[in-house]
PDB file of N, CA and C in Angstrom:
ATOM      1  N   MET A   1     -40.331  77.922 -31.179  1.00  0.00           N
ATOM      2  CA  MET A   1     -39.633  78.212 -32.251  1.00  0.00           C
ATOM      3  C   MET A   1     -38.838  79.331 -32.061  1.00  0.00           C
ATOM      4  N   PRO A   2     -37.197  79.672 -31.165  1.00  0.00           N
ATOM      5  CA  PRO A   2     -37.004  80.616 -31.248  1.00  0.00           C
ATOM      6  C   PRO A   2     -36.306  81.025 -32.429  1.00  0.00           C
ATOM      7  N   GLU A   3     -35.794  81.955 -32.255  1.00  0.00           N
ATOM      8  CA  GLU A   3     -35.342  83.735 -33.153  1.00  0.00           C
ATOM      9  C   GLU A   3     -33.734  82.550 -33.720  1.00  0.00           C
ATOM     10  N   LEU A   4     -33.576  81.971 -34.874  1.00  0.00           N
ATOM     11  CA  LEU A   4     -32.276  81.979 -35.717  1.00  0.00           C
ATOM     12  C   LEU A   4     -32.025  83.042 -36.163  1.00  0.00           C
ATOM     13  N   ARG A   5     -32.298  83.443 -36.811  1.00  0.00           N
ATOM     14  CA  ARG A   5     -31.644  84.936 -37.798  1.00  0.00           C
ATOM     15  C   ARG A   5     -30.694  85.824 -37.077  1.00  0.00           C
ATOM     16  N   GLY A   6     -29.711  85.447 -37.870  1.00  0.00           N
ATOM     17  CA  GLY A   6     -28.500  86.153 -37.780  1.00  0.00           C
ATOM     18  C   GLY A   6     -27.375  85.426 -37.509  1.00  0.00           C
ATOM     19  N   MET A   7     -28.198  83.925 -36.925  1.00  0.00           N
ATOM     20  CA  MET A   7     -26.957  83.412 -35.939  1.00  0.00           C
ATOM     21  C   MET A   7     -26.673  82.018 -37.396  1.00  0.00           C
ATOM     22  N   TYR A   8     -25.571  81.597 -36.548  1.00  0.00           N
ATOM     23  CA  TYR A   8     -24.588  80.611 -38.239  1.00  0.00           C
ATOM     24  C   TYR A   8     -24.862  79.648 -36.950  1.00  0.00           C
ATOM     25  N   TRP A   9     -25.790  77.934 -38.027  1.00  0.00           N
ATOM     26  CA  TRP A   9     -25.405  77.112 -38.447  1.00  0.00           C
ATOM     27  C   TRP A   9     -24.675  75.940 -37.108  1.00  0.00           C
ATOM     28  N   ALA A  10     -23.840  76.591 -37.170  1.00  0.00           N
ATOM     29  CA  ALA A  10     -22.530  75.956 -35.554  1.00  0.00           C
ATOM     30  C   ALA A  10     -23.300  76.281 -34.321  1.00  0.00           C
ATOM     31  N   ASP A  11     -24.441  77.272 -34.842  1.00  0.00           N
ATOM     32  CA  ASP A  11     -24.669  77.779 -33.068  1.00  0.00           C
ATOM     33  C   ASP A  11     -25.958  77.410 -33.204  1.00  0.00           C
ATOM     34  N   ALA A  12     -26.868  77.907 -34.302  1.00  0.00           N
ATOM     35  CA  ALA A  12     -28.204  77.535 -33.983  1.00  0.00           C
ATOM     36  C   ALA A  12     -28.363  76.174 -33.902  1.00  0.00           C
ATOM     37  N   GLU A  13     -27.852  75.176 -33.965  1.00  0.00           N
ATOM     38  CA  GLU A  13     -27.883  73.826 -34.139  1.00  0.00           C
ATOM     39  C   GLU A  13     -28.283  73.498 -32.361  1.00  0.00           C
ATOM     40  N   PRO A  14     -26.789  74.126 -32.077  1.00  0.00           N
ATOM     41  CA  PRO A  14     -26.204  73.664 -30.409  1.00  0.00           C
ATOM     42  C   PRO A  14     -27.808  74.097 -29.907  1.00  0.00           C
ATOM     43  N   ALA A  15     -28.686  75.139 -29.905  1.00  0.00           N
ATOM     44  CA  ALA A  15     -29.283  76.182 -29.239  1.00  0.00           C
ATOM     45  C   ALA A  15     -29.871  75.381 -29.576  1.00  0.00           C
ATOM     46  N   LEU A  16     -30.231  74.789 -30.464  1.00  0.00           N
ATOM     47  CA  LEU A  16     -32.020  74.407 -30.221  1.00  0.00           C
ATOM     48  C   LEU A  16     -31.707  73.054 -29.544  1.00  0.00           C
ATOM     49  N   ARG A  17     -30.479  71.785 -29.760  1.00  0.00           N
ATOM     50  CA  ARG A  17     -30.480  70.391 -28.636  1.00  0.00           C
ATOM     51  C   ARG A  17     -30.321  71.478 -27.550  1.00  0.00           C
ATOM     52  N   THR A  18     -30.524  72.293 -26.996  1.00  0.00           N
ATOM     53  CA  THR A  18     -29.777  72.128 -25.572  1.00  0.00           C
ATOM     54  C   THR A  18     -31.779  73.128 -24.765  1.00  0.00           C
ATOM     55  N   ILE A  19     -32.768  73.076 -25.612  1.00  0.00           N
ATOM     56  CA  ILE A  19     -33.776  72.907 -25.064  1.00  0.00           C
ATOM     57  C   ILE A  19     -34.833  71.749 -25.767  1.00  0.00           C
ATOM     58  N   GLY A  20     -33.933  70.634 -26.275  1.00  0.00           N
ATOM     59  CA  GLY A  20     -34.244  69.429 -26.359  1.00  0.00           C
ATOM     60  C   GLY A  20     -35.271  69.288 -27.419  1.00  0.00           C
ATOM     61  N   TRP A  21     -34.997  69.647 -28.410  1.00  0.00           N
ATOM     62  CA  TRP A  21     -35.128  69.450 -29.845  1.00  0.00           C
ATOM     63  C   TRP A  21     -34.239  68.046 -30.377  1.00  0.00           C
ATOM     64  N   THR A  22     -35.284  68.205 -30.878  1.00  0.00           N
ATOM     65  CA  THR A  22     -34.580  66.404 -31.635  1.00  0.00           C
ATOM     66  C   THR A  22     -34.403  66.118 -33.634  1.00  0.00           C
ATOM     67  N   GLY A  23     -34.654  67.610 -33.944  1.00  0.00           N
ATOM     68  CA  GLY A  23     -35.509  67.221 -35.347  1.00  0.00           C
ATOM     69  C   GLY A  23     -34.339  67.133 -35.944  1.00  0.00           C
ATOM     70  N   VAL A  24     -34.290  67.623 -37.860  1.00  0.00           N
ATOM     71  CA  VAL A  24     -33.525  67.413 -38.382  1.00  0.00           C
ATOM     72  C   VAL A  24     -33.487  68.783 -39.273  1.00  0.00           C
ATOM     73  N   LEU A  25     -32.341  69.621 -39.566  1.00  0.00           N
ATOM     74  CA  LEU A  25     -31.695  71.140 -40.318  1.00  0.00           C
ATOM     75  C   LEU A  25     -31.985  70.655 -41.980  1.00  0.00           C
ATOM     76  N   VAL A  26     -32.839  71.693 -42.307  1.00  0.00           N
ATOM     77  CA  VAL A  26     -32.715  71.309 -43.861  1.00  0.00           C
ATOM     78  C   VAL A  26     -32.227  73.196 -44.001  1.00  0.00           C
ATOM     79  N   LYS A  27     -31.398  71.876 -45.646  1.00  0.00           N
ATOM     80  CA  LYS A  27     -30.541  73.992 -45.677  1.00  0.00           C
ATOM     81  C   LYS A  27     -31.978  73.959 -46.912  1.00  0.00           C
ATOM     82  N   ALA A  28     -32.701  74.900 -47.345  1.00  0.00           N
ATOM     83  CA  ALA A  28     -32.777  75.837 -48.535  1.00  0.00           C
ATOM     84  C   ALA A  28     -31.745  76.227 -49.009  1.00  0.00           C
ATOM     85  N   ASP A  29     -32.704  76.467 -50.471  1.00  0.00           N
ATOM     86  CA  ASP A  29     -31.709  77.907 -51.338  1.00  0.00           C
ATOM     87  C   ASP A  29     -31.287  79.468 -50.249  1.00  0.00           C
ATOM     88  N   ASP A  30     -30.326  79.499 -50.923  1.00  0.00           N
ATOM     89  CA  ASP A  30     -29.652  80.562 -50.334  1.00  0.00           C
ATOM     90  C   ASP A  30     -31.358  81.846 -50.334  1.00  0.00           C
ATOM     91  N   LEU A  31     -30.798  82.881 -49.585  1.00  0.00           N
ATOM     92  CA  LEU A  31     -31.916  83.867 -49.857  1.00  0.00           C
ATOM     93  C   LEU A  31     -31.633  84.847 -49.845  1.00  0.00           C
ATOM     94  N   PRO A  32     -31.088  85.361 -51.284  1.00  0.00           N
ATOM     95  CA  PRO A  32     -30.181  86.124 -52.739  1.00  0.00           C
ATOM     96  C   PRO A  32     -30.553  88.402 -51.989  1.00  0.00           C
ATOM     97  N   ASN A  33     -30.287  89.084 -51.607  1.00  0.00           N
ATOM     98  CA  ASN A  33     -30.791  90.048 -51.056  1.00  0.00           C
ATOM     99  C   ASN A  33     -31.101  90.586 -49.763  1.00  0.00           C
ATOM    100  N   SER A  34     -30.491  89.095 -48.490  1.00  0.00           N
ATOM    101  CA  SER A  34     -30.450  89.734 -47.455  1.00  0.00           C
ATOM    102  C   SER A  34     -29.866  90.608 -46.467  1.00  0.00           C
ATOM    103  N   PRO A  35     -30.036  90.981 -45.469  1.00  0.00           N
ATOM    104  CA  PRO A  35     -28.810  92.100 -45.370  1.00  0.00           C
ATOM    105  C   PRO A  35     -28.097  91.422 -44.089  1.00  0.00           C
ATOM    106  N   TYR A  36     -27.941  90.393 -44.245  1.00  0.00           N
ATOM    107  CA  TYR A  36     -26.999  89.477 -42.826  1.00  0.00           C
ATOM    108  C   TYR A  36     -25.987  88.730 -43.657  1.00  0.00           C
ATOM    109  N   ARG A  37     -24.971  88.856 -42.942  1.00  0.00           N
ATOM    110  CA  ARG A  37     -23.486  88.864 -43.777  1.00  0.00           C
ATOM    111  C   ARG A  37     -23.016  87.241 -43.678  1.00  0.00           C
ATOM    112  N   GLN A  38     -22.834  86.721 -45.217  1.00  0.00           N
ATOM    113  CA  GLN A  38     -23.035  85.251 -45.656  1.00  0.00           C
ATOM    114  C   GLN A  38     -22.768  84.320 -45.086  1.00  0.00           C
ATOM    115  N   ASN A  39     -24.028  83.782 -44.948  1.00  0.00           N
ATOM    116  CA  ASN A  39     -23.610  81.793 -44.213  1.00  0.00           C
ATOM    117  C   ASN A  39     -24.442  82.171 -42.564  1.00  0.00           C
ATOM    118  N   GLN A  40     -24.871  83.389 -42.682  1.00  0.00           N
ATOM    119  CA  GLN A  40     -25.661  83.526 -41.606  1.00  0.00           C
ATOM    120  C   GLN A  40     -27.123  83.309 -42.022  1.00  0.00           C
ATOM    121  N   ILE A  41     -27.980  83.071 -41.016  1.00  0.00           N
ATOM    122  CA  ILE A  41     -29.570  82.285 -41.111  1.00  0.00           C
ATOM    123  C   ILE A  41     -30.802  83.650 -41.686  1.00  0.00           C
ATOM    124  N   ALA A  42     -30.527  83.476 -42.601  1.00  0.00           N
ATOM    125  CA  ALA A  42     -31.163  84.845 -43.156  1.00  0.00           C
ATOM    126  C   ALA A  42     -33.390  84.249 -42.635  1.00  0.00           C
ATOM    127  N   ALA A  43     -33.448  83.125 -43.222  1.00  0.00           N
ATOM    128  CA  ALA A  43     -35.026  83.116 -42.614  1.00  0.00           C
ATOM    129  C   ALA A  43     -34.838  81.881 -42.155  1.00  0.00           C
ATOM    130  N   GLN A  44     -36.473  81.079 -42.075  1.00  0.00           N
ATOM    131  CA  GLN A  44     -36.491  80.126 -40.602  1.00  0.00           C
ATOM    132  C   GLN A  44     -38.250  79.680 -40.862  1.00  0.00           C
ATOM    133  N   ILE A  45     -37.956  78.878 -40.934  1.00  0.00           N
ATOM    134  CA  ILE A  45     -39.462  78.445 -40.982  1.00  0.00           C
ATOM    135  C   ILE A  45     -39.958  76.591 -40.758  1.00  0.00           C
ATOM    136  N   PRO A  46     -40.708  77.112 -39.559  1.00  0.00           N
ATOM    137  CA  PRO A  46     -41.389  77.685 -38.487  1.00  0.00           C
ATOM    138  C   PRO A  46     -40.892  78.614 -38.336  1.00  0.00           C
ATOM    139  N   ALA A  47     -41.318  80.224 -38.237  1.00  0.00           N
ATOM    140  CA  ALA A  47     -41.413  81.373 -37.622  1.00  0.00           C
ATOM    141  C   ALA A  47     -41.023  81.643 -36.495  1.00  0.00           C
ATOM    142  N   PRO A  48     -40.130  82.708 -35.904  1.00  0.00           N
ATOM    143  CA  PRO A  48     -39.875  82.822 -34.124  1.00  0.00           C
ATOM    144  C   PRO A  48     -41.128  82.732 -33.549  1.00  0.00           C
ATOM    145  N   GLY A  49     -41.335  82.442 -32.697  1.00  0.00           N
ATOM    146  CA  GLY A  49     -42.500  82.282 -31.799  1.00  0.00           C
ATOM    147  C   GLY A  49     -43.437  81.579 -32.551  1.00  0.00           C
ATOM    148  N   GLN A  50     -43.853  80.779 -33.083  1.00  0.00           N
ATOM    149  CA  GLN A  50     -44.309  79.172 -33.071  1.00  0.00           C
ATOM    150  C   GLN A  50     -44.132  77.861 -32.225  1.00  0.00           C
ATOM    151  N   VAL A  51     -45.803  77.350 -32.241  1.00  0.00           N
ATOM    152  CA  VAL A  51     -44.560  76.047 -31.591  1.00  0.00           C
ATOM    153  C   VAL A  51     -44.586  75.317 -32.259  1.00  0.00           C
ATOM    154  N   ILE A  52     -43.697  74.295 -32.028  1.00  0.00           N
ATOM    155  CA  ILE A  52     -43.196  72.935 -32.841  1.00  0.00           C
ATOM    156  C   ILE A  52     -43.185  71.738 -31.895  1.00  0.00           C
ATOM    157  N   ALA A  53     -43.446  70.901 -33.181  1.00  0.00           N
ATOM    158  CA  ALA A  53     -43.294  69.456 -32.224  1.00  0.00           C
ATOM    159  C   ALA A  53     -42.024  69.201 -31.764  1.00  0.00           C
ATOM    160  N   GLY A  54     -40.912  68.880 -31.334  1.00  0.00           N
ATOM    161  CA  GLY A  54     -39.713  68.480 -30.313  1.00  0.00           C
ATOM    162  C   GLY A  54     -38.820  67.512 -31.085  1.00  0.00           C
ATOM    163  N   ASP A  55     -39.536  67.409 -32.432  1.00  0.00           N
ATOM    164  CA  ASP A  55     -38.808  66.743 -33.915  1.00  0.00           C
ATOM    165  C   ASP A  55     -39.300  67.073 -35.108  1.00  0.00           C
ATOM    166  N   ALA A  56     -39.792  68.414 -34.727  1.00  0.00           N
ATOM    167  CA  ALA A  56     -39.763  69.123 -36.756  1.00  0.00           C
ATOM    168  C   ALA A  56     -38.747  69.342 -37.594  1.00  0.00           C
ATOM    169  N   ALA A  57     -38.961  69.575 -38.300  1.00  0.00           N
ATOM    170  CA  ALA A  57     -37.637  69.491 -39.228  1.00  0.00           C
ATOM    171  C   ALA A  57     -38.425  70.779 -39.207  1.00  0.00           C
ATOM    172  N   ILE A  58     -36.663  71.900 -38.898  1.00  0.00           N
ATOM    173  CA  ILE A  58     -36.934  73.299 -39.676  1.00  0.00           C
ATOM    174  C   ILE A  58     -35.931  73.873 -41.085  1.00  0.00           C
ATOM    175  N   THR A  59     -37.113  74.201 -41.305  1.00  0.00           N
ATOM    176  CA  THR A  59     -35.855  74.935 -43.000  1.00  0.00           C
ATOM    177  C   THR A  59     -34.813  75.859 -42.525  1.00  0.00           C
ATOM    178  N   LEU A  60     -33.978  76.209 -43.332  1.00  0.00           N
ATOM    179  CA  LEU A  60     -33.183  77.674 -42.864  1.00  0.00           C
ATOM    180  C   LEU A  60     -33.074  78.131 -44.345  1.00  0.00           C
ATOM    181  N   GLN A  61     -33.073  78.927 -44.328  1.00  0.00           N
ATOM    182  CA  GLN A  61     -32.232  79.500 -45.226  1.00  0.00           C
ATOM    183  C   GLN A  61     -30.638  80.856 -45.267  1.00  0.00           C
ATOM    184  N   PHE A  62     -30.038  80.783 -46.311  1.00  0.00           N
ATOM    185  CA  PHE A  62     -28.909  81.795 -45.694  1.00  0.00           C
ATOM    186  C   PHE A  62     -28.322  83.129 -46.224  1.00  0.00           C
ATOM    187  N   ALA A  63     -27.813  83.885 -45.744  1.00  0.00           N
ATOM    188  CA  ALA A  63     -26.714  85.022 -46.205  1.00  0.00           C
ATOM    189  C   ALA A  63     -26.105  84.004 -48.265  1.00  0.00           C
ATOM    190  N   PRO A  64     -26.687  84.718 -48.643  1.00  0.00           N
ATOM    191  CA  PRO A  64     -25.403  84.154 -50.021  1.00  0.00           C
ATOM    192  C   PRO A  64     -23.473  85.194 -49.138  1.00  0.00           C
TER     193      PRO A  64
END
C-alpha cells in the first residue's frame, strides 16, 4: 500500500491504477484538525506499507 496522505483524490486514484490496483476508493468522514490542506488525503486504511489485494477497498479521510 503506497503512502497517499497529502495527495488529492484526483492524483491518488490514477497512481493506484498505474500499479495495477483495481479496487474501489471509499470516502469516509473528514478528519478534523488535520495538518493537511483542504481536500488532501489525511488518513488511509490500509496503512502505508501494508500488503493488500489488488482489488481491495481503500478508505480515505480528507482534511476539511
